[in-house]
């Protein structure tokens, strides 16, 4: 391990950055798929932080919490389960549904296809 865990004050900005990466990666992966798996160098603009913050705020608190644990802190499923006090299967399920809900929230805001 040996990783230093950042304080709570850094969680929201980092999750916003991760969500912004998702908002950018989704169109890139869609384009790569339509281009036969090759990215053709199209430039995608970064999403406004407030729009990504709104999408994250629309998620259930349990979903935001598991995304912060898994994507910001880089915890494994076992580590996240121990930290959150929930079974590993619940971490996997919440992560799946959190990403699905985040994608939908970004789509509703026109930030993802």
N, C-alpha and C. Protein backbone atom coordinates (compact mmCIF):
# COMPACT_ATOMS: atom_id res chain seq x y z
N UNK A 1 0.84 -1.16 0.00
CA UNK A 1 0.00 0.00 0.00
C UNK A 1 0.89 1.23 0.00
N UNK A 2 1.13 1.88 1.13
CA UNK A 2 2.01 3.01 1.18
C UNK A 2 1.46 4.28 0.55
N UNK A 3 0.24 4.21 0.04
CA UNK A 3 -0.35 5.41 -0.56
C UNK A 3 -0.89 6.30 0.53
N UNK A 4 -0.68 7.58 0.38
CA UNK A 4 -1.25 8.52 1.33
C UNK A 4 -2.65 8.88 0.88
N UNK A 5 -3.59 8.78 1.78
CA UNK A 5 -4.99 9.09 1.47
C UNK A 5 -5.20 10.59 1.63
N UNK A 6 -5.66 11.27 0.57
CA UNK A 6 -5.90 12.70 0.67
C UNK A 6 -7.07 13.00 1.60
N UNK A 7 -7.10 14.22 2.10
CA UNK A 7 -8.18 14.64 2.98
C UNK A 7 -9.48 14.81 2.24
N UNK A 8 -10.57 14.94 2.99
CA UNK A 8 -11.89 15.06 2.39
C UNK A 8 -12.04 16.32 1.56
N UNK A 9 -11.27 17.35 1.85
CA UNK A 9 -11.42 18.60 1.11
C UNK A 9 -11.09 18.43 -0.37
N UNK A 10 -10.30 17.40 -0.72
CA UNK A 10 -9.93 17.19 -2.10
C UNK A 10 -10.84 16.23 -2.84
N UNK A 11 -11.81 15.63 -2.18
CA UNK A 11 -12.65 14.61 -2.81
C UNK A 11 -13.49 15.20 -3.92
N UNK A 12 -14.23 16.27 -3.65
CA UNK A 12 -15.13 16.82 -4.65
C UNK A 12 -14.39 17.29 -5.90
N UNK A 13 -13.30 18.08 -5.78
CA UNK A 13 -12.60 18.49 -7.00
C UNK A 13 -12.08 17.30 -7.81
N UNK A 14 -11.60 16.28 -7.13
CA UNK A 14 -11.07 15.12 -7.85
C UNK A 14 -12.19 14.33 -8.53
N UNK A 15 -13.32 14.20 -7.87
CA UNK A 15 -14.44 13.49 -8.49
C UNK A 15 -14.95 14.29 -9.68
N UNK A 16 -14.97 15.60 -9.56
CA UNK A 16 -15.35 16.43 -10.70
C UNK A 16 -14.39 16.22 -11.87
N UNK A 17 -13.12 16.13 -11.58
CA UNK A 17 -12.14 15.89 -12.63
C UNK A 17 -12.37 14.53 -13.28
N UNK A 18 -12.66 13.52 -12.45
CA UNK A 18 -12.93 12.19 -13.00
C UNK A 18 -14.19 12.20 -13.85
N UNK A 19 -15.22 12.89 -13.39
CA UNK A 19 -16.46 12.97 -14.16
C UNK A 19 -16.23 13.73 -15.45
N UNK A 20 -15.41 14.76 -15.41
CA UNK A 20 -15.07 15.48 -16.63
C UNK A 20 -14.34 14.58 -17.61
N UNK A 21 -13.48 13.71 -17.09
CA UNK A 21 -12.78 12.76 -17.94
C UNK A 21 -13.76 11.78 -18.57
N UNK A 22 -14.77 11.37 -17.80
CA UNK A 22 -15.81 10.49 -18.34
C UNK A 22 -16.56 11.22 -19.44
N UNK A 23 -16.90 12.47 -19.20
CA UNK A 23 -17.65 13.25 -20.18
C UNK A 23 -16.86 13.40 -21.48
N UNK A 24 -15.56 13.45 -21.37
CA UNK A 24 -14.72 13.57 -22.56
C UNK A 24 -14.48 12.20 -23.17
N UNK A 25 -14.25 11.18 -22.34
CA UNK A 25 -13.91 9.84 -22.83
C UNK A 25 -15.07 9.18 -23.55
N UNK A 26 -16.29 9.42 -23.11
CA UNK A 26 -17.44 8.78 -23.74
C UNK A 26 -17.54 9.16 -25.22
N UNK A 27 -17.49 10.46 -25.57
CA UNK A 27 -17.52 10.79 -27.00
C UNK A 27 -16.30 10.25 -27.74
N UNK A 28 -15.14 10.23 -27.08
CA UNK A 28 -13.94 9.72 -27.74
C UNK A 28 -14.09 8.24 -28.04
N UNK A 29 -14.63 7.47 -27.08
CA UNK A 29 -14.78 6.04 -27.32
C UNK A 29 -15.83 5.78 -28.38
N UNK A 30 -16.88 6.59 -28.43
CA UNK A 30 -17.90 6.43 -29.46
C UNK A 30 -17.30 6.71 -30.84
N UNK A 31 -16.47 7.74 -30.91
CA UNK A 31 -15.84 8.07 -32.18
C UNK A 31 -14.86 6.98 -32.58
N UNK A 32 -14.10 6.46 -31.62
CA UNK A 32 -13.15 5.40 -31.94
C UNK A 32 -13.87 4.17 -32.46
N UNK A 33 -15.03 3.86 -31.88
CA UNK A 33 -15.81 2.71 -32.33
C UNK A 33 -16.29 2.92 -33.76
N UNK A 34 -16.79 4.11 -34.05
CA UNK A 34 -17.30 4.38 -35.40
C UNK A 34 -16.17 4.50 -36.42
N UNK A 35 -14.95 4.73 -35.95
CA UNK A 35 -13.81 4.85 -36.85
C UNK A 35 -13.04 3.52 -36.95
N UNK A 36 -13.72 2.43 -36.61
CA UNK A 36 -13.06 1.13 -36.69
C UNK A 36 -12.02 0.93 -35.62
N UNK A 37 -12.21 1.57 -34.46
CA UNK A 37 -11.28 1.40 -33.35
C UNK A 37 -10.12 2.38 -33.35
N UNK A 38 -10.05 3.24 -34.36
CA UNK A 38 -8.96 4.21 -34.42
C UNK A 38 -9.49 5.60 -34.12
N UNK A 39 -8.78 6.31 -33.28
CA UNK A 39 -9.14 7.69 -32.98
C UNK A 39 -8.54 8.56 -34.07
N UNK A 40 -9.34 9.39 -34.68
CA UNK A 40 -8.87 10.17 -35.83
C UNK A 40 -8.43 11.58 -35.47
N UNK A 41 -8.13 11.82 -34.18
CA UNK A 41 -7.55 13.09 -33.80
C UNK A 41 -8.52 14.23 -33.63
N UNK A 42 -9.82 13.96 -33.58
CA UNK A 42 -10.77 15.05 -33.37
C UNK A 42 -10.58 15.63 -31.98
N UNK A 43 -10.76 16.90 -31.87
CA UNK A 43 -10.58 17.59 -30.60
C UNK A 43 -11.94 17.74 -29.91
N UNK A 44 -12.02 17.33 -28.67
CA UNK A 44 -13.26 17.47 -27.91
C UNK A 44 -13.04 18.51 -26.82
N UNK A 45 -13.98 19.41 -26.69
CA UNK A 45 -13.83 20.44 -25.69
C UNK A 45 -14.09 19.86 -24.30
N UNK A 46 -13.43 20.41 -23.32
CA UNK A 46 -13.65 19.98 -21.95
C UNK A 46 -14.98 20.54 -21.47
N UNK A 47 -15.68 19.75 -20.68
CA UNK A 47 -17.00 20.16 -20.21
C UNK A 47 -16.88 21.20 -19.11
N UNK A 48 -17.85 22.14 -19.04
CA UNK A 48 -17.80 23.15 -17.98
C UNK A 48 -17.91 22.47 -16.62
N UNK A 49 -17.08 22.86 -15.67
CA UNK A 49 -17.10 22.22 -14.34
C UNK A 49 -18.47 22.27 -13.69
N UNK A 50 -19.21 23.36 -13.87
CA UNK A 50 -20.53 23.46 -13.22
C UNK A 50 -21.48 22.42 -13.77
N UNK A 51 -21.36 22.10 -15.06
CA UNK A 51 -22.26 21.11 -15.67
C UNK A 51 -21.95 19.72 -15.13
N UNK A 52 -20.68 19.41 -14.98
CA UNK A 52 -20.29 18.13 -14.42
C UNK A 52 -20.69 18.06 -12.95
N UNK A 53 -20.54 19.17 -12.23
CA UNK A 53 -20.93 19.22 -10.82
C UNK A 53 -22.43 18.97 -10.68
N UNK A 54 -23.23 19.54 -11.58
CA UNK A 54 -24.68 19.29 -11.55
C UNK A 54 -24.99 17.83 -11.78
N UNK A 55 -24.30 17.21 -12.72
CA UNK A 55 -24.52 15.79 -13.00
C UNK A 55 -24.18 14.94 -11.78
N UNK A 56 -23.06 15.25 -11.15
CA UNK A 56 -22.68 14.51 -9.94
C UNK A 56 -23.65 14.75 -8.79
N UNK A 57 -24.11 15.99 -8.65
CA UNK A 57 -25.04 16.32 -7.57
C UNK A 57 -26.37 15.60 -7.73
N UNK A 58 -26.69 15.22 -8.97
CA UNK A 58 -27.97 14.53 -9.20
C UNK A 58 -27.90 13.06 -8.80
N UNK A 59 -26.71 12.54 -8.56
CA UNK A 59 -26.57 11.14 -8.17
C UNK A 59 -26.96 10.94 -6.71
N UNK A 60 -27.37 9.73 -6.40
CA UNK A 60 -27.68 9.35 -5.02
C UNK A 60 -26.38 9.46 -4.21
N UNK A 61 -26.45 9.90 -2.96
CA UNK A 61 -25.23 10.03 -2.14
C UNK A 61 -24.39 8.75 -2.07
N UNK A 62 -25.04 7.59 -2.02
CA UNK A 62 -24.29 6.32 -2.00
C UNK A 62 -23.48 6.14 -3.28
N UNK A 63 -24.03 6.59 -4.40
CA UNK A 63 -23.33 6.48 -5.67
C UNK A 63 -22.14 7.43 -5.72
N UNK A 64 -22.34 8.66 -5.25
CA UNK A 64 -21.22 9.61 -5.22
C UNK A 64 -20.10 9.08 -4.32
N UNK A 65 -20.49 8.50 -3.20
CA UNK A 65 -19.52 8.00 -2.23
C UNK A 65 -18.68 6.86 -2.82
N UNK A 66 -19.32 5.92 -3.50
CA UNK A 66 -18.58 4.79 -4.06
C UNK A 66 -17.70 5.25 -5.22
N UNK A 67 -18.16 6.22 -6.01
CA UNK A 67 -17.32 6.75 -7.09
C UNK A 67 -16.08 7.45 -6.52
N UNK A 68 -16.26 8.19 -5.44
CA UNK A 68 -15.12 8.86 -4.81
C UNK A 68 -14.11 7.84 -4.31
N UNK A 69 -14.59 6.78 -3.71
CA UNK A 69 -13.71 5.74 -3.17
C UNK A 69 -12.97 5.02 -4.29
N UNK A 70 -13.70 4.62 -5.31
CA UNK A 70 -13.11 3.80 -6.37
C UNK A 70 -12.26 4.61 -7.35
N UNK A 71 -12.71 5.80 -7.72
CA UNK A 71 -12.02 6.54 -8.77
C UNK A 71 -11.12 7.65 -8.26
N UNK A 72 -11.48 8.29 -7.15
CA UNK A 72 -10.61 9.34 -6.63
C UNK A 72 -9.50 8.73 -5.78
N UNK A 73 -9.89 7.92 -4.83
CA UNK A 73 -8.90 7.35 -3.92
C UNK A 73 -8.18 6.16 -4.54
N UNK A 74 -8.75 5.61 -5.61
CA UNK A 74 -8.11 4.48 -6.27
C UNK A 74 -8.16 3.20 -5.45
N UNK A 75 -9.17 3.09 -4.60
CA UNK A 75 -9.30 1.91 -3.76
C UNK A 75 -9.69 0.70 -4.58
N UNK A 76 -9.25 -0.46 -4.11
CA UNK A 76 -9.72 -1.71 -4.70
C UNK A 76 -11.14 -1.95 -4.19
N UNK A 77 -11.80 -2.94 -4.76
CA UNK A 77 -13.15 -3.26 -4.31
C UNK A 77 -13.12 -3.63 -2.82
N UNK A 78 -12.13 -4.43 -2.42
CA UNK A 78 -12.03 -4.85 -1.02
C UNK A 78 -11.78 -3.65 -0.10
N UNK A 79 -10.89 -2.74 -0.53
CA UNK A 79 -10.60 -1.55 0.28
C UNK A 79 -11.83 -0.65 0.40
N UNK A 80 -12.52 -0.45 -0.72
CA UNK A 80 -13.72 0.39 -0.70
C UNK A 80 -14.78 -0.23 0.20
N UNK A 81 -14.95 -1.54 0.13
CA UNK A 81 -15.94 -2.23 0.97
C UNK A 81 -15.62 -2.03 2.43
N UNK A 82 -14.36 -2.17 2.79
CA UNK A 82 -13.96 -1.99 4.19
C UNK A 82 -14.18 -0.55 4.65
N UNK A 83 -13.79 0.40 3.82
CA UNK A 83 -13.94 1.82 4.16
C UNK A 83 -15.40 2.22 4.31
N UNK A 84 -16.23 1.73 3.37
CA UNK A 84 -17.65 2.12 3.37
C UNK A 84 -18.49 1.24 4.29
N UNK A 85 -17.93 0.13 4.75
CA UNK A 85 -18.67 -0.76 5.64
C UNK A 85 -19.79 -1.52 4.94
N UNK A 86 -19.55 -1.89 3.68
CA UNK A 86 -20.54 -2.62 2.90
C UNK A 86 -19.86 -3.83 2.24
N UNK A 87 -20.63 -4.83 1.82
CA UNK A 87 -20.03 -5.99 1.16
C UNK A 87 -19.39 -5.63 -0.19
N UNK A 88 -18.42 -6.43 -0.61
CA UNK A 88 -17.75 -6.20 -1.89
C UNK A 88 -18.73 -6.22 -3.06
N UNK A 89 -19.68 -7.11 -3.02
CA UNK A 89 -20.68 -7.18 -4.09
C UNK A 89 -21.48 -5.90 -4.20
N UNK A 90 -21.74 -5.27 -3.06
CA UNK A 90 -22.47 -4.00 -3.06
C UNK A 90 -21.62 -2.89 -3.67
N UNK A 91 -20.32 -2.91 -3.41
CA UNK A 91 -19.42 -1.93 -4.02
C UNK A 91 -19.47 -2.08 -5.54
N UNK A 92 -19.39 -3.31 -6.03
CA UNK A 92 -19.42 -3.55 -7.47
C UNK A 92 -20.74 -3.09 -8.08
N UNK A 93 -21.83 -3.43 -7.41
CA UNK A 93 -23.15 -3.06 -7.90
C UNK A 93 -23.33 -1.54 -7.91
N UNK A 94 -22.98 -0.90 -6.80
CA UNK A 94 -23.14 0.56 -6.72
C UNK A 94 -22.26 1.27 -7.74
N UNK A 95 -21.05 0.75 -7.95
CA UNK A 95 -20.17 1.36 -8.94
C UNK A 95 -20.78 1.26 -10.33
N UNK A 96 -21.30 0.10 -10.67
CA UNK A 96 -21.95 -0.08 -11.97
C UNK A 96 -23.11 0.89 -12.15
N UNK A 97 -24.01 0.93 -11.15
CA UNK A 97 -25.18 1.80 -11.28
C UNK A 97 -24.83 3.27 -11.16
N UNK A 98 -23.77 3.60 -10.40
CA UNK A 98 -23.33 4.99 -10.30
C UNK A 98 -22.81 5.48 -11.65
N UNK A 99 -22.02 4.67 -12.32
CA UNK A 99 -21.50 5.05 -13.63
C UNK A 99 -22.61 5.14 -14.66
N UNK A 100 -23.56 4.23 -14.56
CA UNK A 100 -24.71 4.27 -15.47
C UNK A 100 -25.53 5.56 -15.23
N UNK A 101 -25.76 5.90 -13.97
CA UNK A 101 -26.52 7.11 -13.63
C UNK A 101 -25.75 8.37 -14.03
N UNK A 102 -24.43 8.36 -13.84
CA UNK A 102 -23.62 9.52 -14.22
C UNK A 102 -23.64 9.71 -15.74
N UNK A 103 -23.53 8.62 -16.47
CA UNK A 103 -23.60 8.70 -17.94
C UNK A 103 -24.95 9.28 -18.37
N UNK A 104 -26.03 8.80 -17.77
CA UNK A 104 -27.36 9.30 -18.11
C UNK A 104 -27.48 10.79 -17.76
N UNK A 105 -26.98 11.17 -16.59
CA UNK A 105 -27.05 12.58 -16.19
C UNK A 105 -26.26 13.46 -17.15
N UNK A 106 -25.12 12.97 -17.61
CA UNK A 106 -24.32 13.74 -18.57
C UNK A 106 -25.02 13.81 -19.92
N UNK A 107 -25.67 12.71 -20.32
CA UNK A 107 -26.42 12.71 -21.57
C UNK A 107 -27.58 13.69 -21.52
N UNK A 108 -28.29 13.73 -20.40
CA UNK A 108 -29.42 14.64 -20.25
C UNK A 108 -28.98 16.09 -20.35
N UNK A 109 -27.74 16.36 -20.03
CA UNK A 109 -27.21 17.73 -20.10
C UNK A 109 -26.49 18.00 -21.42
N UNK A 110 -26.56 17.02 -22.32
CA UNK A 110 -25.90 17.18 -23.61
C UNK A 110 -24.40 17.08 -23.56
N UNK A 111 -23.87 16.44 -22.53
CA UNK A 111 -22.43 16.35 -22.35
C UNK A 111 -21.86 15.01 -22.78
N UNK A 112 -22.71 14.08 -23.16
CA UNK A 112 -22.29 12.77 -23.63
C UNK A 112 -23.31 12.28 -24.64
N UNK A 113 -22.88 11.46 -25.60
CA UNK A 113 -23.81 10.97 -26.61
C UNK A 113 -24.83 10.00 -26.04
